[in-house]
Amino acid sequence: MAKAVTEEEIKTGGVAADRLRSIIERIERLEEERKALGNDIKDIYAEAKSAGFDVKVIRQLIRIRKQEPAEVEELETLLDVYRRALGM
């Protein structure tokens, strides 16, 4: 037995308009939250800078903390080898 097509489905070309609207609105809310979080992060970096911290170093520390310990150790070892090769 075939499902009856509603007038709303005919208008929207068979697209579940309510579901699509819900998905888009959720994405828009999350985008706004991401923007607000980005602004909060900028404020914290500005606070760190005004407290005398080097923001570039803080960013690097955050990047390192996201990595696996073995990966960090390997990169530090290579950095040390390259520095010695350059006489640093």
PDB file of N, CA and C in Angstrom:
ATOM      1  N   MET A   1       0.843  -1.174   0.000  1.00  0.00           N
ATOM      2  CA  MET A   1       0.000   0.000   0.000  1.00  0.00           C
ATOM      3  C   MET A   1       0.892   1.243   0.000  1.00  0.00           C
ATOM      4  N   ALA A   2       0.686   2.147  -0.908  1.00  0.00           N
ATOM      5  CA  ALA A   2       1.500   3.353  -1.044  1.00  0.00           C
ATOM      6  C   ALA A   2       1.112   4.380   0.008  1.00  0.00           C
ATOM      7  N   LYS A   3       2.103   5.096   0.470  1.00  0.00           N
ATOM      8  CA  LYS A   3       1.876   6.154   1.456  1.00  0.00           C
ATOM      9  C   LYS A   3       1.267   7.365   0.767  1.00  0.00           C
ATOM     10  N   ALA A   4       0.277   7.937   1.393  1.00  0.00           N
ATOM     11  CA  ALA A   4      -0.362   9.125   0.833  1.00  0.00           C
ATOM     12  C   ALA A   4       0.591  10.301   0.941  1.00  0.00           C
ATOM     13  N   VAL A   5       0.670  11.071  -0.120  1.00  0.00           N
ATOM     14  CA  VAL A   5       1.528  12.250  -0.157  1.00  0.00           C
ATOM     15  C   VAL A   5       0.722  13.441   0.333  1.00  0.00           C
ATOM     16  N   THR A   6       1.267  14.134   1.313  1.00  0.00           N
ATOM     17  CA  THR A   6       0.560  15.289   1.855  1.00  0.00           C
ATOM     18  C   THR A   6       0.784  16.494   0.966  1.00  0.00           C
ATOM     19  N   GLU A   7      -0.072  17.485   1.125  1.00  0.00           N
ATOM     20  CA  GLU A   7       0.064  18.725   0.358  1.00  0.00           C
ATOM     21  C   GLU A   7       1.393  19.412   0.695  1.00  0.00           C
ATOM     22  N   GLU A   8       1.797  19.353   1.968  1.00  0.00           N
ATOM     23  CA  GLU A   8       3.069  19.964   2.398  1.00  0.00           C
ATOM     24  C   GLU A   8       4.255  19.321   1.684  1.00  0.00           C
ATOM     25  N   GLU A   9       4.235  17.988   1.545  1.00  0.00           N
ATOM     26  CA  GLU A   9       5.320  17.287   0.862  1.00  0.00           C
ATOM     27  C   GLU A   9       5.366  17.663  -0.614  1.00  0.00           C
ATOM     28  N   ILE A  10       4.215  17.896  -1.205  1.00  0.00           N
ATOM     29  CA  ILE A  10       4.170  18.307  -2.612  1.00  0.00           C
ATOM     30  C   ILE A  10       4.817  19.690  -2.749  1.00  0.00           C
ATOM     31  N   LYS A  11       4.505  20.596  -1.826  1.00  0.00           N
ATOM     32  CA  LYS A  11       5.057  21.953  -1.879  1.00  0.00           C
ATOM     33  C   LYS A  11       6.574  21.962  -1.709  1.00  0.00           C
ATOM     34  N   THR A  12       7.092  21.054  -0.894  1.00  0.00           N
ATOM     35  CA  THR A  12       8.522  21.065  -0.597  1.00  0.00           C
ATOM     36  C   THR A  12       9.299  20.048  -1.416  1.00  0.00           C
ATOM     37  N   GLY A  13       8.675  19.468  -2.393  1.00  0.00           N
ATOM     38  CA  GLY A  13       9.369  18.524  -3.255  1.00  0.00           C
ATOM     39  C   GLY A  13       9.717  17.220  -2.549  1.00  0.00           C
ATOM     40  N   GLY A  14       8.946  16.840  -1.547  1.00  0.00           N
ATOM     41  CA  GLY A  14       9.195  15.595  -0.844  1.00  0.00           C
ATOM     42  C   GLY A  14      10.231  15.710   0.264  1.00  0.00           C
ATOM     43  N   VAL A  15      10.770  16.884   0.460  1.00  0.00           N
ATOM     44  CA  VAL A  15      11.770  17.095   1.508  1.00  0.00           C
ATOM     45  C   VAL A  15      11.054  17.274   2.843  1.00  0.00           C
ATOM     46  N   ALA A  16      11.559  16.643   3.869  1.00  0.00           N
ATOM     47  CA  ALA A  16      10.984  16.785   5.202  1.00  0.00           C
ATOM     48  C   ALA A  16      11.380  18.159   5.730  1.00  0.00           C
ATOM     49  N   ALA A  17      10.581  19.150   5.424  1.00  0.00           N
ATOM     50  CA  ALA A  17      10.909  20.546   5.703  1.00  0.00           C
ATOM     51  C   ALA A  17      11.119  20.805   7.189  1.00  0.00           C
ATOM     52  N   ASP A  18      10.281  20.226   8.042  1.00  0.00           N
ATOM     53  CA  ASP A  18      10.430  20.450   9.471  1.00  0.00           C
ATOM     54  C   ASP A  18      11.755  19.893   9.981  1.00  0.00           C
ATOM     55  N   ARG A  19      12.112  18.707   9.518  1.00  0.00           N
ATOM     56  CA  ARG A  19      13.382  18.091   9.929  1.00  0.00           C
ATOM     57  C   ARG A  19      14.558  18.918   9.431  1.00  0.00           C
ATOM     58  N   LEU A  20      14.505  19.358   8.187  1.00  0.00           N
ATOM     59  CA  LEU A  20      15.565  20.172   7.608  1.00  0.00           C
ATOM     60  C   LEU A  20      15.703  21.487   8.371  1.00  0.00           C
ATOM     61  N   ARG A  21      14.598  22.136   8.667  1.00  0.00           N
ATOM     62  CA  ARG A  21      14.609  23.397   9.412  1.00  0.00           C
ATOM     63  C   ARG A  21      15.246  23.184  10.788  1.00  0.00           C
ATOM     64  N   SER A  22      14.886  22.087  11.450  1.00  0.00           N
ATOM     65  CA  SER A  22      15.434  21.763  12.761  1.00  0.00           C
ATOM     66  C   SER A  22      16.951  21.585  12.700  1.00  0.00           C
ATOM     67  N   ILE A  23      17.427  20.872  11.702  1.00  0.00           N
ATOM     68  CA  ILE A  23      18.865  20.646  11.540  1.00  0.00           C
ATOM     69  C   ILE A  23      19.589  21.963  11.303  1.00  0.00           C
ATOM     70  N   ILE A  24      19.054  22.782  10.412  1.00  0.00           N
ATOM     71  CA  ILE A  24      19.686  24.066  10.093  1.00  0.00           C
ATOM     72  C   ILE A  24      19.711  24.971  11.315  1.00  0.00           C
ATOM     73  N   GLU A  25      18.631  25.023  12.065  1.00  0.00           N
ATOM     74  CA  GLU A  25      18.581  25.870  13.261  1.00  0.00           C
ATOM     75  C   GLU A  25      19.573  25.399  14.318  1.00  0.00           C
ATOM     76  N   ARG A  26      19.730  24.073  14.467  1.00  0.00           N
ATOM     77  CA  ARG A  26      20.710  23.547  15.422  1.00  0.00           C
ATOM     78  C   ARG A  26      22.123  23.928  15.009  1.00  0.00           C
ATOM     79  N   ILE A  27      22.420  23.827  13.721  1.00  0.00           N
ATOM     80  CA  ILE A  27      23.746  24.209  13.224  1.00  0.00           C
ATOM     81  C   ILE A  27      23.984  25.694  13.459  1.00  0.00           C
ATOM     82  N   GLU A  28      22.976  26.512  13.178  1.00  0.00           N
ATOM     83  CA  GLU A  28      23.117  27.956  13.392  1.00  0.00           C
ATOM     84  C   GLU A  28      23.383  28.287  14.858  1.00  0.00           C
ATOM     85  N   ARG A  29      22.689  27.601  15.774  1.00  0.00           N
ATOM     86  CA  ARG A  29      22.922  27.829  17.203  1.00  0.00           C
ATOM     87  C   ARG A  29      24.341  27.447  17.595  1.00  0.00           C
ATOM     88  N   LEU A  30      24.815  26.309  17.084  1.00  0.00           N
ATOM     89  CA  LEU A  30      26.177  25.874  17.393  1.00  0.00           C
ATOM     90  C   LEU A  30      27.211  26.821  16.802  1.00  0.00           C
ATOM     91  N   GLU A  31      26.949  27.345  15.606  1.00  0.00           N
ATOM     92  CA  GLU A  31      27.865  28.329  15.002  1.00  0.00           C
ATOM     93  C   GLU A  31      27.960  29.569  15.885  1.00  0.00           C
ATOM     94  N   GLU A  32      26.835  30.024  16.422  1.00  0.00           N
ATOM     95  CA  GLU A  32      26.830  31.180  17.323  1.00  0.00           C
ATOM     96  C   GLU A  32      27.614  30.878  18.600  1.00  0.00           C
ATOM     97  N   GLU A  33      27.425  29.669  19.131  1.00  0.00           N
ATOM     98  CA  GLU A  33      28.169  29.275  20.327  1.00  0.00           C
ATOM     99  C   GLU A  33      29.664  29.231  20.048  1.00  0.00           C
ATOM    100  N   ARG A  34      30.042  28.709  18.863  1.00  0.00           N
ATOM    101  CA  ARG A  34      31.450  28.640  18.489  1.00  0.00           C
ATOM    102  C   ARG A  34      32.037  30.051  18.387  1.00  0.00           C
ATOM    103  N   LYS A  35      31.269  30.960  17.805  1.00  0.00           N
ATOM    104  CA  LYS A  35      31.725  32.346  17.688  1.00  0.00           C
ATOM    105  C   LYS A  35      31.930  32.949  19.075  1.00  0.00           C
ATOM    106  N   ALA A  36      30.989  32.712  19.974  1.00  0.00           N
ATOM    107  CA  ALA A  36      31.100  33.232  21.345  1.00  0.00           C
ATOM    108  C   ALA A  36      32.302  32.624  22.052  1.00  0.00           C
ATOM    109  N   LEU A  37      32.521  31.321  21.860  1.00  0.00           N
ATOM    110  CA  LEU A  37      33.687  30.673  22.473  1.00  0.00           C
ATOM    111  C   LEU A  37      34.984  31.233  21.907  1.00  0.00           C
ATOM    112  N   GLY A  38      35.006  31.486  20.606  1.00  0.00           N
ATOM    113  CA  GLY A  38      36.193  32.079  19.982  1.00  0.00           C
ATOM    114  C   GLY A  38      36.508  33.434  20.583  1.00  0.00           C
ATOM    115  N   ASN A  39      35.464  34.221  20.819  1.00  0.00           N
ATOM    116  CA  ASN A  39      35.670  35.532  21.445  1.00  0.00           C
ATOM    117  C   ASN A  39      36.174  35.386  22.875  1.00  0.00           C
ATOM    118  N   ASP A  40      35.650  34.388  23.598  1.00  0.00           N
ATOM    119  CA  ASP A  40      36.112  34.139  24.966  1.00  0.00           C
ATOM    120  C   ASP A  40      37.589  33.748  24.974  1.00  0.00           C
ATOM    121  N   ILE A  41      37.992  32.913  24.025  1.00  0.00           N
ATOM    122  CA  ILE A  41      39.385  32.487  23.939  1.00  0.00           C
ATOM    123  C   ILE A  41      40.278  33.681  23.635  1.00  0.00           C
ATOM    124  N   LYS A  42      39.850  34.555  22.720  1.00  0.00           N
ATOM    125  CA  LYS A  42      40.622  35.764  22.421  1.00  0.00           C
ATOM    126  C   LYS A  42      40.805  36.610  23.672  1.00  0.00           C
ATOM    127  N   ASP A  43      39.740  36.719  24.457  1.00  0.00           N
ATOM    128  CA  ASP A  43      39.813  37.498  25.697  1.00  0.00           C
ATOM    129  C   ASP A  43      40.830  36.902  26.670  1.00  0.00           C
ATOM    130  N   ILE A  44      40.869  35.571  26.757  1.00  0.00           N
ATOM    131  CA  ILE A  44      41.818  34.918  27.659  1.00  0.00           C
ATOM    132  C   ILE A  44      43.243  35.128  27.186  1.00  0.00           C
ATOM    133  N   TYR A  45      43.478  35.060  25.873  1.00  0.00           N
ATOM    134  CA  TYR A  45      44.817  35.341  25.347  1.00  0.00           C
ATOM    135  C   TYR A  45      45.215  36.791  25.645  1.00  0.00           C
ATOM    136  N   ALA A  46      44.278  37.708  25.506  1.00  0.00           N
ATOM    137  CA  ALA A  46      44.566  39.112  25.815  1.00  0.00           C
ATOM    138  C   ALA A  46      44.893  39.261  27.295  1.00  0.00           C
ATOM    139  N   GLU A  47      44.183  38.547  28.134  1.00  0.00           N
ATOM    140  CA  GLU A  47      44.454  38.573  29.576  1.00  0.00           C
ATOM    141  C   GLU A  47      45.855  38.030  29.861  1.00  0.00           C
ATOM    142  N   ALA A  48      46.209  36.933  29.201  1.00  0.00           N
ATOM    143  CA  ALA A  48      47.541  36.344  29.386  1.00  0.00           C
ATOM    144  C   ALA A  48      48.624  37.322  28.945  1.00  0.00           C
ATOM    145  N   LYS A  49      48.392  37.984  27.808  1.00  0.00           N
ATOM    146  CA  LYS A  49      49.371  38.949  27.301  1.00  0.00           C
ATOM    147  C   LYS A  49      49.526  40.123  28.264  1.00  0.00           C
ATOM    148  N   SER A  50      48.425  40.621  28.798  1.00  0.00           N
ATOM    149  CA  SER A  50      48.496  41.750  29.721  1.00  0.00           C
ATOM    150  C   SER A  50      49.148  41.350  31.043  1.00  0.00           C
ATOM    151  N   ALA A  51      49.144  40.037  31.342  1.00  0.00           N
ATOM    152  CA  ALA A  51      49.810  39.546  32.556  1.00  0.00           C
ATOM    153  C   ALA A  51      51.287  39.279  32.307  1.00  0.00           C
ATOM    154  N   GLY A  52      51.747  39.534  31.070  1.00  0.00           N
ATOM    155  CA  GLY A  52      53.165  39.399  30.759  1.00  0.00           C
ATOM    156  C   GLY A  52      53.561  38.070  30.141  1.00  0.00           C
ATOM    157  N   PHE A  53      52.592  37.215  29.833  1.00  0.00           N
ATOM    158  CA  PHE A  53      52.903  35.927  29.211  1.00  0.00           C
ATOM    159  C   PHE A  53      53.041  36.091  27.703  1.00  0.00           C
ATOM    160  N   ASP A  54      53.872  35.253  27.100  1.00  0.00           N
ATOM    161  CA  ASP A  54      54.072  35.243  25.656  1.00  0.00           C
ATOM    162  C   ASP A  54      52.978  34.364  25.037  1.00  0.00           C
ATOM    163  N   VAL A  55      52.064  34.974  24.320  1.00  0.00           N
ATOM    164  CA  VAL A  55      50.911  34.270  23.754  1.00  0.00           C
ATOM    165  C   VAL A  55      51.349  33.229  22.735  1.00  0.00           C
ATOM    166  N   LYS A  56      52.378  33.524  21.974  1.00  0.00           N
ATOM    167  CA  LYS A  56      52.874  32.576  20.979  1.00  0.00           C
ATOM    168  C   LYS A  56      53.322  31.275  21.661  1.00  0.00           C
ATOM    169  N   VAL A  57      53.985  31.400  22.790  1.00  0.00           N
ATOM    170  CA  VAL A  57      54.441  30.228  23.534  1.00  0.00           C
ATOM    171  C   VAL A  57      53.248  29.482  24.135  1.00  0.00           C
ATOM    172  N   ILE A  58      52.265  30.207  24.629  1.00  0.00           N
ATOM    173  CA  ILE A  58      51.067  29.572  25.181  1.00  0.00           C
ATOM    174  C   ILE A  58      50.358  28.759  24.104  1.00  0.00           C
ATOM    175  N   ARG A  59      50.241  29.325  22.904  1.00  0.00           N
ATOM    176  CA  ARG A  59      49.603  28.593  21.799  1.00  0.00           C
ATOM    177  C   ARG A  59      50.373  27.314  21.484  1.00  0.00           C
ATOM    178  N   GLN A  60      51.700  27.410  21.510  1.00  0.00           N
ATOM    179  CA  GLN A  60      52.533  26.245  21.233  1.00  0.00           C
ATOM    180  C   GLN A  60      52.347  25.187  22.327  1.00  0.00           C
ATOM    181  N   LEU A  61      52.281  25.603  23.575  1.00  0.00           N
ATOM    182  CA  LEU A  61      52.054  24.664  24.673  1.00  0.00           C
ATOM    183  C   LEU A  61      50.709  23.951  24.536  1.00  0.00           C
ATOM    184  N   ILE A  62      49.704  24.683  24.161  1.00  0.00           N
ATOM    185  CA  ILE A  62      48.380  24.084  23.966  1.00  0.00           C
ATOM    186  C   ILE A  62      48.427  23.054  22.841  1.00  0.00           C
ATOM    187  N   ARG A  63      49.122  23.397  21.760  1.00  0.00           N
ATOM    188  CA  ARG A  63      49.264  22.477  20.629  1.00  0.00           C
ATOM    189  C   ARG A  63      49.989  21.201  21.078  1.00  0.00           C
ATOM    190  N   ILE A  64      51.039  21.352  21.879  1.00  0.00           N
ATOM    191  CA  ILE A  64      51.811  20.201  22.360  1.00  0.00           C
ATOM    192  C   ILE A  64      50.958  19.328  23.282  1.00  0.00           C
ATOM    193  N   ARG A  65      50.183  19.959  24.147  1.00  0.00           N
ATOM    194  CA  ARG A  65      49.363  19.203  25.105  1.00  0.00           C
ATOM    195  C   ARG A  65      48.296  18.363  24.413  1.00  0.00           C
ATOM    196  N   LYS A  66      47.924  18.712  23.189  1.00  0.00           N
ATOM    197  CA  LYS A  66      46.938  17.943  22.435  1.00  0.00           C
ATOM    198  C   LYS A  66      47.536  16.666  21.836  1.00  0.00           C
ATOM    199  N   GLN A  67      48.862  16.624  21.733  1.00  0.00           N
ATOM    200  CA  GLN A  67      49.537  15.496  21.098  1.00  0.00           C
ATOM    201  C   GLN A  67      49.750  14.353  22.090  1.00  0.00           C
ATOM    202  N   GLU A  68      50.011  13.192  21.532  1.00  0.00           N
ATOM    203  CA  GLU A  68      50.350  12.024  22.336  1.00  0.00           C
ATOM    204  C   GLU A  68      51.760  12.200  22.898  1.00  0.00           C
ATOM    205  N   PRO A  69      52.003  11.738  24.114  1.00  0.00           N
ATOM    206  CA  PRO A  69      53.337  11.880  24.725  1.00  0.00           C
ATOM    207  C   PRO A  69      54.469  11.310  23.875  1.00  0.00           C
ATOM    208  N   ALA A  70      54.258  10.174  23.236  1.00  0.00           N
ATOM    209  CA  ALA A  70      55.299   9.575  22.399  1.00  0.00           C
ATOM    210  C   ALA A  70      55.619  10.466  21.206  1.00  0.00           C
ATOM    211  N   GLU A  71      54.594  11.083  20.646  1.00  0.00           N
ATOM    212  CA  GLU A  71      54.792  11.978  19.503  1.00  0.00           C
ATOM    213  C   GLU A  71      55.572  13.220  19.931  1.00  0.00           C
ATOM    214  N   VAL A  72      55.249  13.746  21.105  1.00  0.00           N
ATOM    215  CA  VAL A  72      55.963  14.915  21.631  1.00  0.00           C
ATOM    216  C   VAL A  72      57.431  14.570  21.863  1.00  0.00           C
ATOM    217  N   GLU A  73      57.668  13.418  22.453  1.00  0.00           N
ATOM    218  CA  GLU A  73      59.048  12.992  22.725  1.00  0.00           C
ATOM    219  C   GLU A  73      59.844  12.842  21.432  1.00  0.00           C
ATOM    220  N   GLU A  74      59.220  12.259  20.412  1.00  0.00           N
ATOM    221  CA  GLU A  74      59.895  12.089  19.123  1.00  0.00           C
ATOM    222  C   GLU A  74      60.241  13.443  18.503  1.00  0.00           C
ATOM    223  N   LEU A  75      59.306  14.380  18.541  1.00  0.00           N
ATOM    224  CA  LEU A  75      59.562  15.711  17.973  1.00  0.00           C
ATOM    225  C   LEU A  75      60.665  16.439  18.738  1.00  0.00           C
ATOM    226  N   GLU A  76      60.654  16.324  20.072  1.00  0.00           N
ATOM    227  CA  GLU A  76      61.687  16.982  20.873  1.00  0.00           C
ATOM    228  C   GLU A  76      63.060  16.376  20.602  1.00  0.00           C
ATOM    229  N   THR A  77      63.106  15.058  20.408  1.00  0.00           N
ATOM    230  CA  THR A  77      64.367  14.391  20.093  1.00  0.00           C
ATOM    231  C   THR A  77      64.900  14.875  18.749  1.00  0.00           C
ATOM    232  N   LEU A  78      64.029  14.928  17.758  1.00  0.00           N
ATOM    233  CA  LEU A  78      64.446  15.409  16.438  1.00  0.00           C
ATOM    234  C   LEU A  78      64.896  16.870  16.490  1.00  0.00           C
ATOM    235  N   LEU A  79      64.174  17.674  17.227  1.00  0.00           N
ATOM    236  CA  LEU A  79      64.548  19.075  17.370  1.00  0.00           C
ATOM    237  C   LEU A  79      65.939  19.186  17.991  1.00  0.00           C
ATOM    238  N   ASP A  80      66.213  18.378  19.011  1.00  0.00           N
ATOM    239  CA  ASP A  80      67.517  18.387  19.662  1.00  0.00           C
ATOM    240  C   ASP A  80      68.617  17.955  18.690  1.00  0.00           C
ATOM    241  N   VAL A  81      68.362  16.900  17.897  1.00  0.00           N
ATOM    242  CA  VAL A  81      69.334  16.431  16.904  1.00  0.00           C
ATOM    243  C   VAL A  81      69.611  17.523  15.875  1.00  0.00           C
ATOM    244  N   TYR A  82      68.572  18.163  15.386  1.00  0.00           N
ATOM    245  CA  TYR A  82      68.743  19.211  14.377  1.00  0.00           C
ATOM    246  C   TYR A  82      69.494  20.413  14.950  1.00  0.00           C
ATOM    247  N   ARG A  83      69.195  20.773  16.192  1.00  0.00           N
ATOM    248  CA  ARG A  83      69.907  21.890  16.826  1.00  0.00           C
ATOM    249  C   ARG A  83      71.394  21.592  16.944  1.00  0.00           C
ATOM    250  N   ARG A  84      71.713  20.359  17.393  1.00  0.00           N
ATOM    251  CA  ARG A  84      73.122  20.001  17.510  1.00  0.00           C
ATOM    252  C   ARG A  84      73.795  19.991  16.149  1.00  0.00           C
ATOM    253  N   ALA A  85      73.088  19.550  15.124  1.00  0.00           N
ATOM    254  CA  ALA A  85      73.646  19.528  13.767  1.00  0.00           C
ATOM    255  C   ALA A  85      73.966  20.927  13.273  1.00  0.00           C
ATOM    256  N   LEU A  86      73.171  21.905  13.758  1.00  0.00           N
ATOM    257  CA  LEU A  86      73.393  23.298  13.358  1.00  0.00           C
ATOM    258  C   LEU A  86      74.293  24.042  14.341  1.00  0.00           C
ATOM    259  N   GLY A  87      74.769  23.334  15.365  1.00  0.00           N
ATOM    260  CA  GLY A  87      75.643  23.960  16.346  1.00  0.00           C
ATOM    261  C   GLY A  87      74.914  24.939  17.249  1.00  0.00           C
ATOM    262  N   MET A  88      73.695  24.679  17.524  1.00  0.00           N
ATOM    263  CA  MET A  88      72.903  25.571  18.383  1.00  0.00           C
ATOM    264  C   MET A  88      72.883  25.068  19.814  1.00  0.00           C
TER     265      MET A  88
END
